[in-house]
Amino acid sequence: IAPIVVRVCRELEVDFVGPLIMVAMLSNAAGLLTLVGDPATFLVGQA
């Protein structure tokens, strides 16, 4: 997703750091949606 976010941020003339951090945080939360979404989730689910 990062290349998409950087591209859009540059077109919108805004700093891409905040949106990329948001993507990381959302990816951690969304990693709870399935067993393979996050390595930590997989470790606990497997256990």
All heavy atoms as atom14 arrays in JSON, in Angstrom:
{
  "sequence": "IAPIVVRVCRELEVDFVGPLIMVAMLSNAAGLLTLVGDPATFLVGQA",
  "atom14_mask": [
    [1, 1, 1, 1, 1, 1, 1, 1, 0, 0, 0, 0, 0, 0],
    [1, 1, 1, 1, 1, 0, 0, 0, 0, 0, 0, 0, 0, 0],
    [1, 1, 1, 1, 1, 1, 1, 0, 0, 0, 0, 0, 0, 0],
    [1, 1, 1, 1, 1, 1, 1, 1, 0, 0, 0, 0, 0, 0],
    [1, 1, 1, 1, 1, 1, 1, 0, 0, 0, 0, 0, 0, 0],
    [1, 1, 1, 1, 1, 1, 1, 0, 0, 0, 0, 0, 0, 0],
    [1, 1, 1, 1, 1, 1, 1, 1, 1, 1, 1, 0, 0, 0],
    [1, 1, 1, 1, 1, 1, 1, 0, 0, 0, 0, 0, 0, 0],
    [1, 1, 1, 1, 1, 1, 0, 0, 0, 0, 0, 0, 0, 0],
    [1, 1, 1, 1, 1, 1, 1, 1, 1, 1, 1, 0, 0, 0],
    [1, 1, 1, 1, 1, 1, 1, 1, 1, 0, 0, 0, 0, 0],
    [1, 1, 1, 1, 1, 1, 1, 1, 0, 0, 0, 0, 0, 0],
    [1, 1, 1, 1, 1, 1, 1, 1, 1, 0, 0, 0, 0, 0],
    [1, 1, 1, 1, 1, 1, 1, 0, 0, 0, 0, 0, 0, 0],
    [1, 1, 1, 1, 1, 1, 1, 1, 0, 0, 0, 0, 0, 0],
    [1, 1, 1, 1, 1, 1, 1, 1, 1, 1, 1, 0, 0, 0],
    [1, 1, 1, 1, 1, 1, 1, 0, 0, 0, 0, 0, 0, 0],
    [1, 1, 1, 1, 0, 0, 0, 0, 0, 0, 0, 0, 0, 0],
    [1, 1, 1, 1, 1, 1, 1, 0, 0, 0, 0, 0, 0, 0],
    [1, 1, 1, 1, 1, 1, 1, 1, 0, 0, 0, 0, 0, 0],
    [1, 1, 1, 1, 1, 1, 1, 1, 0, 0, 0, 0, 0, 0],
    [1, 1, 1, 1, 1, 1, 1, 1, 0, 0, 0, 0, 0, 0],
    [1, 1, 1, 1, 1, 1, 1, 0, 0, 0, 0, 0, 0, 0],
    [1, 1, 1, 1, 1, 0, 0, 0, 0, 0, 0, 0, 0, 0],
    [1, 1, 1, 1, 1, 1, 1, 1, 0, 0, 0, 0, 0, 0],
    [1, 1, 1, 1, 1, 1, 1, 1, 0, 0, 0, 0, 0, 0],
    [1, 1, 1, 1, 1, 1, 0, 0, 0, 0, 0, 0, 0, 0],
    [1, 1, 1, 1, 1, 1, 1, 1, 0, 0, 0, 0, 0, 0],
    [1, 1, 1, 1, 1, 0, 0, 0, 0, 0, 0, 0, 0, 0],
    [1, 1, 1, 1, 1, 0, 0, 0, 0, 0, 0, 0, 0, 0],
    [1, 1, 1, 1, 0, 0, 0, 0, 0, 0, 0, 0, 0, 0],
    [1, 1, 1, 1, 1, 1, 1, 1, 0, 0, 0, 0, 0, 0],
    [1, 1, 1, 1, 1, 1, 1, 1, 0, 0, 0, 0, 0, 0],
    [1, 1, 1, 1, 1, 1, 1, 0, 0, 0, 0, 0, 0, 0],
    [1, 1, 1, 1, 1, 1, 1, 1, 0, 0, 0, 0, 0, 0],
    [1, 1, 1, 1, 1, 1, 1, 0, 0, 0, 0, 0, 0, 0],
    [1, 1, 1, 1, 0, 0, 0, 0, 0, 0, 0, 0, 0, 0],
    [1, 1, 1, 1, 1, 1, 1, 1, 0, 0, 0, 0, 0, 0],
    [1, 1, 1, 1, 1, 1, 1, 0, 0, 0, 0, 0, 0, 0],
    [1, 1, 1, 1, 1, 0, 0, 0, 0, 0, 0, 0, 0, 0],
    [1, 1, 1, 1, 1, 1, 1, 0, 0, 0, 0, 0, 0, 0],
    [1, 1, 1, 1, 1, 1, 1, 1, 1, 1, 1, 0, 0, 0],
    [1, 1, 1, 1, 1, 1, 1, 1, 0, 0, 0, 0, 0, 0],
    [1, 1, 1, 1, 1, 1, 1, 0, 0, 0, 0, 0, 0, 0],
    [1, 1, 1, 1, 0, 0, 0, 0, 0, 0, 0, 0, 0, 0],
    [1, 1, 1, 1, 1, 1, 1, 1, 1, 0, 0, 0, 0, 0],
    [1, 1, 1, 1, 1, 0, 0, 0, 0, 0, 0, 0, 0, 0]
  ],
  "atom14_positions": [
    [[0.82, -1.22, 0.0], [0.0, 0.0, 0.0], [0.85, 1.27, 0.0], [0.42, 2.31, -0.5], [-0.95, -0.01, 1.21], [-1.93, -1.2, 1.09], [-1.74, 1.28, 1.34], [-2.74, -1.44, 2.32], [0.0, 0.0, 0.0], [0.0, 0.0, 0.0], [0.0, 0.0, 0.0], [0.0, 0.0, 0.0], [0.0, 0.0, 0.0], [0.0, 0.0, 0.0]],
    [[2.06, 1.21, 0.55], [2.9, 2.41, 0.68], [3.09, 3.17, -0.62], [2.97, 4.41, -0.63], [4.25, 2.03, 1.29], [0.0, 0.0, 0.0], [0.0, 0.0, 0.0], [0.0, 0.0, 0.0], [0.0, 0.0, 0.0], [0.0, 0.0, 0.0], [0.0, 0.0, 0.0], [0.0, 0.0, 0.0], [0.0, 0.0, 0.0], [0.0, 0.0, 0.0]],
    [[3.41, 2.51, -1.75], [3.59, 3.3, -2.99], [2.34, 4.07, -3.39], [2.43, 5.18, -3.93], [3.94, 2.23, -4.03], [4.44, 1.06, -3.25], [3.68, 1.08, -1.97], [0.0, 0.0, 0.0], [0.0, 0.0, 0.0], [0.0, 0.0, 0.0], [0.0, 0.0, 0.0], [0.0, 0.0, 0.0], [0.0, 0.0, 0.0], [0.0, 0.0, 0.0]],
    [[1.18, 3.49, -3.13], [-0.09, 4.17, -3.45], [-0.26, 5.39, -2.57], [-0.62, 6.48, -3.04], [-1.26, 3.19, -3.26], [-1.1, 1.98, -4.2], [-2.6, 3.88, -3.49], [-2.09, 0.87, -3.95], [0.0, 0.0, 0.0], [0.0, 0.0, 0.0], [0.0, 0.0, 0.0], [0.0, 0.0, 0.0], [0.0, 0.0, 0.0], [0.0, 0.0, 0.0]],
    [[0.01, 5.24, -1.27], [-0.16, 6.34, -0.32], [0.8, 7.48, -0.65], [0.4, 8.66, -0.66], [0.07, 5.84, 1.12], [0.14, 7.0, 2.1], [-1.04, 4.88, 1.53], [0.0, 0.0, 0.0], [0.0, 0.0, 0.0], [0.0, 0.0, 0.0], [0.0, 0.0, 0.0], [0.0, 0.0, 0.0], [0.0, 0.0, 0.0], [0.0, 0.0, 0.0]],
    [[2.06, 7.16, -0.93], [3.04, 8.2, -1.25], [2.64, 8.95, -2.51], [2.71, 10.19, -2.58], [4.45, 7.58, -1.39], [5.44, 8.61, -1.91], [4.92, 7.0, -0.05], [0.0, 0.0, 0.0], [0.0, 0.0, 0.0], [0.0, 0.0, 0.0], [0.0, 0.0, 0.0], [0.0, 0.0, 0.0], [0.0, 0.0, 0.0], [0.0, 0.0, 0.0]],
    [[2.19, 8.22, -3.51], [1.78, 8.84, -4.78], [0.62, 9.81, -4.56], [0.65, 10.97, -5.03], [1.36, 7.74, -5.76], [0.54, 8.22, -6.94], [1.41, 8.87, -8.01], [0.62, 9.56, -9.01], [-0.05, 8.97, -10.0], [-0.02, 7.64, -10.12], [-0.73, 9.68, -10.87], [0.0, 0.0, 0.0], [0.0, 0.0, 0.0], [0.0, 0.0, 0.0]],
    [[-0.4, 9.38, -3.84], [-1.57, 10.24, -3.62], [-1.22, 11.44, -2.76], [-1.66, 12.57, -3.03], [-2.72, 9.43, -2.98], [-3.9, 10.34, -2.63], [-3.17, 8.32, -3.92], [0.0, 0.0, 0.0], [0.0, 0.0, 0.0], [0.0, 0.0, 0.0], [0.0, 0.0, 0.0], [0.0, 0.0, 0.0], [0.0, 0.0, 0.0], [0.0, 0.0, 0.0]],
    [[-0.4, 11.23, -1.73], [-0.02, 12.35, -0.85], [0.73, 13.43, -1.63], [0.53, 14.64, -1.4], [0.83, 11.85, 0.31], [-0.1, 11.0, 1.6], [0.0, 0.0, 0.0], [0.0, 0.0, 0.0], [0.0, 0.0, 0.0], [0.0, 0.0, 0.0], [0.0, 0.0, 0.0], [0.0, 0.0, 0.0], [0.0, 0.0, 0.0], [0.0, 0.0, 0.0]],
    [[1.58, 13.03, -2.54], [2.32, 14.02, -3.32], [1.4, 14.78, -4.26], [1.58, 15.98, -4.49], [3.44, 13.31, -4.09], [4.61, 12.95, -3.17], [5.67, 12.13, -3.85], [6.83, 11.96, -2.95], [7.77, 11.06, -3.11], [7.69, 10.21, -4.15], [8.78, 10.96, -2.26], [0.0, 0.0, 0.0], [0.0, 0.0, 0.0], [0.0, 0.0, 0.0]],
    [[0.4, 14.1, -4.79], [-0.57, 14.79, -5.64], [-1.43, 15.76, -4.83], [-1.79, 16.84, -5.3], [-1.46, 13.78, -6.36], [-0.76, 12.95, -7.41], [-0.36, 13.77, -8.64], [-0.93, 14.87, -8.84], [0.55, 13.33, -9.38], [0.0, 0.0, 0.0], [0.0, 0.0, 0.0], [0.0, 0.0, 0.0], [0.0, 0.0, 0.0], [0.0, 0.0, 0.0]],
    [[-1.73, 15.38, -3.57], [-2.53, 16.24, -2.7], [-1.68, 17.29, -2.0], [-2.21, 18.14, -1.27], [-3.26, 15.4, -1.65], [-4.31, 14.41, -2.16], [-4.92, 13.62, -1.0], [-5.41, 15.13, -2.94], [0.0, 0.0, 0.0], [0.0, 0.0, 0.0], [0.0, 0.0, 0.0], [0.0, 0.0, 0.0], [0.0, 0.0, 0.0], [0.0, 0.0, 0.0]],
    [[-0.36, 17.21, -2.17], [0.6, 18.15, -1.58], [0.53, 18.14, -0.06], [0.49, 19.19, 0.6], [0.36, 19.57, -2.12], [0.53, 19.66, -3.64], [0.24, 21.06, -4.17], [0.09, 21.98, -3.35], [0.16, 21.22, -5.39], [0.0, 0.0, 0.0], [0.0, 0.0, 0.0], [0.0, 0.0, 0.0], [0.0, 0.0, 0.0], [0.0, 0.0, 0.0]],
    [[0.51, 16.94, 0.51], [0.53, 16.77, 1.97], [1.66, 15.8, 2.33], [2.14, 15.03, 1.49], [-0.81, 16.23, 2.51], [-1.92, 17.25, 2.29], [-1.17, 14.89, 1.86], [0.0, 0.0, 0.0], [0.0, 0.0, 0.0], [0.0, 0.0, 0.0], [0.0, 0.0, 0.0], [0.0, 0.0, 0.0], [0.0, 0.0, 0.0], [0.0, 0.0, 0.0]],
    [[2.08, 15.86, 3.59], [3.15, 14.99, 4.07], [2.64, 13.55, 4.13], [1.56, 13.28, 4.67], [3.59, 15.45, 5.45], [4.82, 14.7, 5.96], [5.4, 13.93, 5.18], [5.18, 14.89, 7.14], [0.0, 0.0, 0.0], [0.0, 0.0, 0.0], [0.0, 0.0, 0.0], [0.0, 0.0, 0.0], [0.0, 0.0, 0.0], [0.0, 0.0, 0.0]],
    [[3.42, 12.61, 3.6], [2.97, 11.21, 3.56], [3.3, 10.44, 4.84], [2.85, 9.31, 5.01], [3.6, 10.48, 2.37], [5.1, 10.51, 2.33], [5.85, 9.68, 3.15], [5.76, 11.38, 1.47], [7.24, 9.71, 3.11], [7.14, 11.41, 1.43], [7.89, 10.58, 2.24], [0.0, 0.0, 0.0], [0.0, 0.0, 0.0], [0.0, 0.0, 0.0]],
    [[4.06, 11.04, 5.75], [4.48, 10.31, 6.96], [3.27, 9.92, 7.81], [3.11, 8.76, 8.22], [5.48, 11.13, 7.78], [5.73, 10.46, 9.14], [6.8, 11.26, 7.03], [0.0, 0.0, 0.0], [0.0, 0.0, 0.0], [0.0, 0.0, 0.0], [0.0, 0.0, 0.0], [0.0, 0.0, 0.0], [0.0, 0.0, 0.0], [0.0, 0.0, 0.0]],
    [[2.39, 10.88, 8.09], [1.21, 10.59, 8.9], [0.34, 9.49, 8.3], [0.0, 8.52, 8.99], [0.0, 0.0, 0.0], [0.0, 0.0, 0.0], [0.0, 0.0, 0.0], [0.0, 0.0, 0.0], [0.0, 0.0, 0.0], [0.0, 0.0, 0.0], [0.0, 0.0, 0.0], [0.0, 0.0, 0.0], [0.0, 0.0, 0.0], [0.0, 0.0, 0.0]],
    [[-0.05, 9.6, 7.02], [-0.85, 8.52, 6.42], [-0.15, 7.17, 6.41], [-0.8, 6.14, 6.59], [-1.07, 9.03, 4.99], [-1.07, 10.51, 5.12], [-0.02, 10.8, 6.17], [0.0, 0.0, 0.0], [0.0, 0.0, 0.0], [0.0, 0.0, 0.0], [0.0, 0.0, 0.0], [0.0, 0.0, 0.0], [0.0, 0.0, 0.0], [0.0, 0.0, 0.0]],
    [[1.19, 7.14, 6.23], [1.89, 5.86, 6.26], [1.87, 5.26, 7.67], [1.74, 4.05, 7.84], [3.32, 6.01, 5.78], [3.55, 5.91, 4.26], [5.03, 6.06, 3.93], [3.02, 4.59, 3.72], [0.0, 0.0, 0.0], [0.0, 0.0, 0.0], [0.0, 0.0, 0.0], [0.0, 0.0, 0.0], [0.0, 0.0, 0.0], [0.0, 0.0, 0.0]],
    [[2.02, 6.11, 8.68], [1.9, 5.62, 10.06], [0.5, 5.1, 10.31], [0.3, 4.07, 10.96], [2.26, 6.74, 11.06], [3.76, 7.06, 10.97], [1.88, 6.34, 12.48], [4.19, 8.22, 11.83], [0.0, 0.0, 0.0], [0.0, 0.0, 0.0], [0.0, 0.0, 0.0], [0.0, 0.0, 0.0], [0.0, 0.0, 0.0], [0.0, 0.0, 0.0]],
    [[-0.52, 5.79, 9.77], [-1.89, 5.33, 9.91], [-2.07, 3.96, 9.26], [-2.74, 3.08, 9.79], [-2.86, 6.33, 9.28], [-4.33, 5.97, 9.5], [-5.47, 6.94, 8.48], [-5.25, 6.15, 6.87], [0.0, 0.0, 0.0], [0.0, 0.0, 0.0], [0.0, 0.0, 0.0], [0.0, 0.0, 0.0], [0.0, 0.0, 0.0], [0.0, 0.0, 0.0]],
    [[-1.47, 3.77, 8.08], [-1.55, 2.47, 7.4], [-0.94, 1.38, 8.28], [-1.5, 0.29, 8.4], [-0.84, 2.53, 6.03], [-0.66, 1.13, 5.46], [-1.63, 3.39, 5.06], [0.0, 0.0, 0.0], [0.0, 0.0, 0.0], [0.0, 0.0, 0.0], [0.0, 0.0, 0.0], [0.0, 0.0, 0.0], [0.0, 0.0, 0.0], [0.0, 0.0, 0.0]],
    [[0.2, 1.66, 8.9], [0.84, 0.68, 9.77], [-0.06, 0.33, 10.95], [-0.25, -0.85, 11.28], [2.18, 1.21, 10.27], [0.0, 0.0, 0.0], [0.0, 0.0, 0.0], [0.0, 0.0, 0.0], [0.0, 0.0, 0.0], [0.0, 0.0, 0.0], [0.0, 0.0, 0.0], [0.0, 0.0, 0.0], [0.0, 0.0, 0.0], [0.0, 0.0, 0.0]],
    [[-0.64, 1.35, 11.6], [-1.49, 1.1, 12.75], [-2.77, 0.37, 12.35], [-3.23, -0.54, 13.05], [-1.82, 2.43, 13.45], [-0.61, 3.07, 14.11], [-1.02, 4.49, 15.15], [-1.66, 5.64, 13.94], [0.0, 0.0, 0.0], [0.0, 0.0, 0.0], [0.0, 0.0, 0.0], [0.0, 0.0, 0.0], [0.0, 0.0, 0.0], [0.0, 0.0, 0.0]],
    [[-3.36, 0.75, 11.21], [-4.55, 0.06, 10.73], [-4.22, -1.38, 10.33], [-5.05, -2.28, 10.51], [-5.16, 0.81, 9.55], [-5.99, 2.04, 9.89], [-6.33, 2.83, 8.63], [-7.27, 1.65, 10.63], [0.0, 0.0, 0.0], [0.0, 0.0, 0.0], [0.0, 0.0, 0.0], [0.0, 0.0, 0.0], [0.0, 0.0, 0.0], [0.0, 0.0, 0.0]],
    [[-3.04, -1.57, 9.77], [-2.67, -2.93, 9.38], [-2.54, -3.83, 10.61], [-2.86, -5.02, 10.56], [-1.37, -2.92, 8.58], [-0.25, -2.66, 9.41], [0.0, 0.0, 0.0], [0.0, 0.0, 0.0], [0.0, 0.0, 0.0], [0.0, 0.0, 0.0], [0.0, 0.0, 0.0], [0.0, 0.0, 0.0], [0.0, 0.0, 0.0], [0.0, 0.0, 0.0]],
    [[-2.05, -3.27, 11.72], [-1.97, -4.05, 12.95], [-3.37, -4.41, 13.45], [-3.62, -5.55, 13.87], [-1.22, -3.27, 14.03], [0.25, -3.09, 13.71], [0.87, -3.96, 13.1], [0.82, -1.96, 14.08], [0.0, 0.0, 0.0], [0.0, 0.0, 0.0], [0.0, 0.0, 0.0], [0.0, 0.0, 0.0], [0.0, 0.0, 0.0], [0.0, 0.0, 0.0]],
    [[-4.28, -3.43, 13.41], [-5.66, -3.71, 13.83], [-6.34, -4.68, 12.88], [-6.99, -5.64, 13.29], [-6.45, -2.4, 13.9], [0.0, 0.0, 0.0], [0.0, 0.0, 0.0], [0.0, 0.0, 0.0], [0.0, 0.0, 0.0], [0.0, 0.0, 0.0], [0.0, 0.0, 0.0], [0.0, 0.0, 0.0], [0.0, 0.0, 0.0], [0.0, 0.0, 0.0]],
    [[-6.17, -4.45, 11.57], [-6.78, -5.33, 10.58], [-6.13, -6.71, 10.59], [-6.74, -7.68, 10.12], [-6.66, -4.71, 9.18], [0.0, 0.0, 0.0], [0.0, 0.0, 0.0], [0.0, 0.0, 0.0], [0.0, 0.0, 0.0], [0.0, 0.0, 0.0], [0.0, 0.0, 0.0], [0.0, 0.0, 0.0], [0.0, 0.0, 0.0], [0.0, 0.0, 0.0]],
    [[-4.92, -6.79, 11.13], [-4.28, -8.1, 11.27], [-5.05, -9.03, 12.17], [-4.82, -10.25, 12.16], [0.0, 0.0, 0.0], [0.0, 0.0, 0.0], [0.0, 0.0, 0.0], [0.0, 0.0, 0.0], [0.0, 0.0, 0.0], [0.0, 0.0, 0.0], [0.0, 0.0, 0.0], [0.0, 0.0, 0.0], [0.0, 0.0, 0.0], [0.0, 0.0, 0.0]],
    [[-5.98, -8.48, 12.96], [-6.82, -9.3, 13.83], [-8.04, -9.87, 13.1], [-8.79, -10.65, 13.68], [-7.3, -8.47, 15.04], [-6.2, -8.05, 16.02], [-6.71, -6.96, 16.95], [-5.71, -9.25, 16.81], [0.0, 0.0, 0.0], [0.0, 0.0, 0.0], [0.0, 0.0, 0.0], [0.0, 0.0, 0.0], [0.0, 0.0, 0.0], [0.0, 0.0, 0.0]],
    [[-8.24, -9.46, 11.85], [-9.41, -9.93, 11.12], [-9.31, -11.41, 10.76], [-10.32, -12.11, 10.7], [-9.61, -9.1, 9.85], [-9.95, -7.62, 10.04], [-9.98, -6.9, 8.7], [-11.29, -7.49, 10.76], [0.0, 0.0, 0.0], [0.0, 0.0, 0.0], [0.0, 0.0, 0.0], [0.0, 0.0, 0.0], [0.0, 0.0, 0.0], [0.0, 0.0, 0.0]],
    [[-8.09, -11.89, 10.49], [-7.88, -13.29, 10.14], [-6.66, -13.84, 10.86], [-5.84, -13.07, 11.39], [-7.68, -13.48, 8.62], [-6.44, -12.86, 8.23], [-8.83, -12.87, 7.82], [0.0, 0.0, 0.0], [0.0, 0.0, 0.0], [0.0, 0.0, 0.0], [0.0, 0.0, 0.0], [0.0, 0.0, 0.0], [0.0, 0.0, 0.0], [0.0, 0.0, 0.0]],
    [[-6.53, -15.15, 10.82], [-5.44, -15.81, 11.52], [-4.08, -15.44, 10.96], [-3.07, -15.46, 11.67], [-5.64, -17.33, 11.46], [-4.65, -18.21, 12.21], [-4.72, -17.93, 13.71], [-4.93, -19.68, 11.93], [0.0, 0.0, 0.0], [0.0, 0.0, 0.0], [0.0, 0.0, 0.0], [0.0, 0.0, 0.0], [0.0, 0.0, 0.0], [0.0, 0.0, 0.0]],
    [[-4.01, -15.08, 9.67], [-2.72, -14.8, 9.02], [-2.46, -13.31, 8.86], [-1.49, -12.93, 8.22], [-2.64, -15.5, 7.64], [-2.75, -16.99, 7.8], [-3.73, -14.97, 6.7], [0.0, 0.0, 0.0], [0.0, 0.0, 0.0], [0.0, 0.0, 0.0], [0.0, 0.0, 0.0], [0.0, 0.0, 0.0], [0.0, 0.0, 0.0], [0.0, 0.0, 0.0]],
    [[-3.31, -12.46, 9.44], [-3.15, -11.03, 9.24], [-1.95, -10.42, 9.94], [-1.47, -9.36, 9.54], [0.0, 0.0, 0.0], [0.0, 0.0, 0.0], [0.0, 0.0, 0.0], [0.0, 0.0, 0.0], [0.0, 0.0, 0.0], [0.0, 0.0, 0.0], [0.0, 0.0, 0.0], [0.0, 0.0, 0.0], [0.0, 0.0, 0.0], [0.0, 0.0, 0.0]],
    [[-1.47, -11.07, 10.98], [-0.33, -10.55, 11.74], [0.45, -11.74, 12.29], [-0.17, -12.69, 12.78], [-0.82, -9.65, 12.88], [0.31, -8.98, 13.63], [1.06, -9.7, 14.33], [0.45, -7.76, 13.55], [0.0, 0.0, 0.0], [0.0, 0.0, 0.0], [0.0, 0.0, 0.0], [0.0, 0.0, 0.0], [0.0, 0.0, 0.0], [0.0, 0.0, 0.0]],
    [[1.78, -11.74, 12.2], [2.54, -12.86, 12.74], [2.26, -13.11, 14.22], [2.23, -14.26, 14.67], [4.0, -12.44, 12.51], [3.94, -11.54, 11.33], [2.64, -10.78, 11.48], [0.0, 0.0, 0.0], [0.0, 0.0, 0.0], [0.0, 0.0, 0.0], [0.0, 0.0, 0.0], [0.0, 0.0, 0.0], [0.0, 0.0, 0.0], [0.0, 0.0, 0.0]],
    [[2.06, -12.03, 15.0], [1.74, -12.2, 16.42], [0.39, -12.88, 16.59], [0.21, -13.74, 17.47], [1.75, -10.83, 17.12], [0.0, 0.0, 0.0], [0.0, 0.0, 0.0], [0.0, 0.0, 0.0], [0.0, 0.0, 0.0], [0.0, 0.0, 0.0], [0.0, 0.0, 0.0], [0.0, 0.0, 0.0], [0.0, 0.0, 0.0], [0.0, 0.0, 0.0]],
    [[-0.57, -12.5, 15.77], [-1.89, -13.15, 15.8], [-1.76, -14.63, 15.48], [-2.4, -15.48, 16.13], [-2.82, -12.48, 14.77], [-2.96, -11.09, 15.1], [-4.19, -13.13, 14.77], [0.0, 0.0, 0.0], [0.0, 0.0, 0.0], [0.0, 0.0, 0.0], [0.0, 0.0, 0.0], [0.0, 0.0, 0.0], [0.0, 0.0, 0.0], [0.0, 0.0, 0.0]],
    [[-0.94, -14.94, 14.49], [-0.76, -16.34, 14.12], [-0.14, -17.14, 15.26], [-0.55, -18.28, 15.54], [0.13, -16.44, 12.87], [0.47, -17.84, 12.48], [-0.47, -18.64, 11.86], [1.73, -18.36, 12.76], [-0.16, -19.95, 11.51], [2.04, -19.67, 12.41], [1.1, -20.46, 11.78], [0.0, 0.0, 0.0], [0.0, 0.0, 0.0], [0.0, 0.0, 0.0]],
    [[0.85, -16.56, 15.95], [1.49, -17.27, 17.06], [0.49, -17.63, 18.15], [0.46, -18.77, 18.63], [2.61, -16.41, 17.66], [3.93, -16.33, 16.9], [4.87, -15.33, 17.58], [4.58, -17.7, 16.82], [0.0, 0.0, 0.0], [0.0, 0.0, 0.0], [0.0, 0.0, 0.0], [0.0, 0.0, 0.0], [0.0, 0.0, 0.0], [0.0, 0.0, 0.0]],
    [[-0.37, -16.67, 18.53], [-1.35, -16.94, 19.59], [-2.43, -17.89, 19.09], [-2.84, -18.82, 19.79], [-1.98, -15.63, 20.1], [-2.98, -15.92, 21.21], [-0.91, -14.69, 20.61], [0.0, 0.0, 0.0], [0.0, 0.0, 0.0], [0.0, 0.0, 0.0], [0.0, 0.0, 0.0], [0.0, 0.0, 0.0], [0.0, 0.0, 0.0], [0.0, 0.0, 0.0]],
    [[-2.92, -17.65, 17.87], [-3.95, -18.53, 17.32], [-3.47, -19.96, 17.21], [-4.21, -20.91, 17.51], [0.0, 0.0, 0.0], [0.0, 0.0, 0.0], [0.0, 0.0, 0.0], [0.0, 0.0, 0.0], [0.0, 0.0, 0.0], [0.0, 0.0, 0.0], [0.0, 0.0, 0.0], [0.0, 0.0, 0.0], [0.0, 0.0, 0.0], [0.0, 0.0, 0.0]],
    [[-2.22, -20.13, 16.8], [-1.64, -21.47, 16.69], [-1.55, -22.11, 18.07], [-1.88, -23.29, 18.24], [-0.26, -21.37, 16.04], [0.44, -22.7, 15.81], [1.83, -22.52, 15.24], [2.62, -21.72, 15.74], [2.16, -23.24, 14.19], [0.0, 0.0, 0.0], [0.0, 0.0, 0.0], [0.0, 0.0, 0.0], [0.0, 0.0, 0.0], [0.0, 0.0, 0.0]],
    [[-1.1, -21.35, 19.07], [-0.99, -21.88, 20.43], [-2.35, -22.27, 20.99], [-2.48, -23.24, 21.73], [-0.33, -20.85, 21.34], [0.0, 0.0, 0.0], [0.0, 0.0, 0.0], [0.0, 0.0, 0.0], [0.0, 0.0, 0.0], [0.0, 0.0, 0.0], [0.0, 0.0, 0.0], [0.0, 0.0, 0.0], [0.0, 0.0, 0.0], [0.0, 0.0, 0.0]]
  ]
}
